[in-house]
Amino acid sequence: MQNGENQLSRGKFMKWLGIASTFTVFGLAFSPKKKKAAKTVRMLTEDGTLVEIDAALLSQNKRQVTTDELKSWVKK
């Protein structure tokens, strides 16, 4: 009799394990996606402070500033 009960108990356990794993897989598949962190760029303001700006807000016209331009632009 104990062998039959053991088989029944194992069958219940396997059934619940299958159900739990199915819900886990569906829960992970349909979970809300995490938002990626925005890429920031460090820039120097006119008064010489360093700020971080979202890269998506910058225009695509990229030109490297020369040293002379930088020295004349920053106020002391």
C-alpha atoms as a PDB file:
ATOM      1  CA  MET A   1       0.000   0.000   0.000  1.00  0.00           C
ATOM      2  CA  GLN A   2       2.822   2.400   0.796  1.00  0.00           C
ATOM      3  CA  ASN A   3       4.337   1.936  -2.676  1.00  0.00           C
ATOM      4  CA  GLY A   4       1.037   3.003  -4.275  1.00  0.00           C
ATOM      5  CA  GLU A   5       0.834   6.086  -2.070  1.00  0.00           C
ATOM      6  CA  ASN A   6       4.447   6.904  -2.883  1.00  0.00           C
ATOM      7  CA  GLN A   7       3.690   6.692  -6.635  1.00  0.00           C
ATOM      8  CA  LEU A   8       0.645   8.930  -6.189  1.00  0.00           C
ATOM      9  CA  SER A   9       2.637  11.448  -4.172  1.00  0.00           C
ATOM     10  CA  ARG A  10       5.425  11.500  -6.770  1.00  0.00           C
ATOM     11  CA  GLY A  11       2.861  11.985  -9.531  1.00  0.00           C
ATOM     12  CA  LYS A  12       1.305  14.950  -7.731  1.00  0.00           C
ATOM     13  CA  PHE A  13       4.728  16.429  -7.161  1.00  0.00           C
ATOM     14  CA  MET A  14       5.677  16.107 -10.845  1.00  0.00           C
ATOM     15  CA  LYS A  15       2.344  17.618 -11.930  1.00  0.00           C
ATOM     16  CA  TRP A  16       2.744  20.637  -9.638  1.00  0.00           C
ATOM     17  CA  LEU A  17       6.351  21.034 -10.686  1.00  0.00           C
ATOM     18  CA  GLY A  18       5.294  21.111 -14.351  1.00  0.00           C
ATOM     19  CA  ILE A  19       2.554  23.652 -13.670  1.00  0.00           C
ATOM     20  CA  ALA A  20       4.882  25.873 -11.646  1.00  0.00           C
ATOM     21  CA  SER A  21       7.603  25.782 -14.300  1.00  0.00           C
ATOM     22  CA  THR A  22       5.079  26.606 -17.041  1.00  0.00           C
ATOM     23  CA  PHE A  23       3.859  29.683 -15.156  1.00  0.00           C
ATOM     24  CA  THR A  24       7.440  30.712 -14.494  1.00  0.00           C
ATOM     25  CA  VAL A  25       8.351  30.517 -18.185  1.00  0.00           C
ATOM     26  CA  PHE A  26       5.261  32.492 -19.214  1.00  0.00           C
ATOM     27  CA  GLY A  27       5.872  35.017 -16.443  1.00  0.00           C
ATOM     28  CA  LEU A  28       9.411  35.661 -17.631  1.00  0.00           C
ATOM     29  CA  ALA A  29       8.379  35.815 -21.284  1.00  0.00           C
ATOM     30  CA  PHE A  30       5.671  38.422 -20.720  1.00  0.00           C
ATOM     31  CA  SER A  31       7.324  40.447 -17.974  1.00  0.00           C
ATOM     32  CA  PRO A  32       7.802  44.160 -18.671  1.00  0.00           C
ATOM     33  CA  LYS A  33      11.100  44.929 -20.321  1.00  0.00           C
ATOM     34  CA  LYS A  34      13.581  46.996 -18.364  1.00  0.00           C
ATOM     35  CA  LYS A  35      14.371  50.394 -19.783  1.00  0.00           C
ATOM     36  CA  LYS A  36      17.970  50.801 -20.862  1.00  0.00           C
ATOM     37  CA  ALA A  37      19.975  53.466 -19.141  1.00  0.00           C
ATOM     38  CA  ALA A  38      20.351  56.590 -21.237  1.00  0.00           C
ATOM     39  CA  LYS A  39      23.835  57.276 -22.526  1.00  0.00           C
ATOM     40  CA  THR A  40      25.155  60.534 -21.166  1.00  0.00           C
ATOM     41  CA  VAL A  41      27.945  62.790 -22.339  1.00  0.00           C
ATOM     42  CA  ARG A  42      30.026  65.021 -20.088  1.00  0.00           C
ATOM     43  CA  MET A  43      30.364  68.569 -21.334  1.00  0.00           C
ATOM     44  CA  LEU A  44      31.896  71.772 -20.049  1.00  0.00           C
ATOM     45  CA  THR A  45      29.640  74.791 -19.639  1.00  0.00           C
ATOM     46  CA  GLU A  46      30.621  78.358 -20.419  1.00  0.00           C
ATOM     47  CA  ASP A  47      31.394  79.131 -16.780  1.00  0.00           C
ATOM     48  CA  GLY A  48      33.641  76.063 -16.477  1.00  0.00           C
ATOM     49  CA  THR A  49      31.387  73.591 -14.665  1.00  0.00           C
ATOM     50  CA  LEU A  50      31.106  70.003 -15.828  1.00  0.00           C
ATOM     51  CA  VAL A  51      27.602  68.726 -16.657  1.00  0.00           C
ATOM     52  CA  GLU A  52      26.182  65.460 -17.995  1.00  0.00           C
ATOM     53  CA  ILE A  53      23.747  65.644 -20.926  1.00  0.00           C
ATOM     54  CA  ASP A  54      21.674  62.898 -22.540  1.00  0.00           C
ATOM     55  CA  ALA A  55      23.364  61.997 -25.845  1.00  0.00           C
ATOM     56  CA  ALA A  56      20.010  61.806 -27.645  1.00  0.00           C
ATOM     57  CA  LEU A  57      19.487  65.543 -27.087  1.00  0.00           C
ATOM     58  CA  LEU A  58      22.668  66.530 -28.926  1.00  0.00           C
ATOM     59  CA  SER A  59      22.752  67.262 -32.634  1.00  0.00           C
ATOM     60  CA  GLN A  60      24.769  65.059 -34.949  1.00  0.00           C
ATOM     61  CA  ASN A  61      26.981  67.948 -36.107  1.00  0.00           C
ATOM     62  CA  LYS A  62      30.126  66.946 -34.219  1.00  0.00           C
ATOM     63  CA  ARG A  63      33.268  69.016 -34.519  1.00  0.00           C
ATOM     64  CA  GLN A  64      36.212  68.892 -32.158  1.00  0.00           C
ATOM     65  CA  VAL A  65      36.989  72.191 -30.464  1.00  0.00           C
ATOM     66  CA  THR A  66      40.536  73.474 -30.744  1.00  0.00           C
ATOM     67  CA  THR A  67      42.528  74.443 -27.694  1.00  0.00           C
ATOM     68  CA  ASP A  68      42.536  78.124 -28.662  1.00  0.00           C
ATOM     69  CA  GLU A  69      38.747  78.155 -29.047  1.00  0.00           C
ATOM     70  CA  LEU A  70      38.342  76.506 -25.664  1.00  0.00           C
ATOM     71  CA  LYS A  71      40.624  78.991 -23.929  1.00  0.00           C
ATOM     72  CA  SER A  72      38.770  81.971 -25.383  1.00  0.00           C
ATOM     73  CA  TRP A  73      35.359  80.471 -24.609  1.00  0.00           C
ATOM     74  CA  VAL A  74      35.697  79.588 -20.912  1.00  0.00           C
ATOM     75  CA  LYS A  75      35.166  82.511 -18.523  1.00  0.00           C
ATOM     76  CA  LYS A  76      37.338  82.603 -15.426  1.00  0.00           C
END
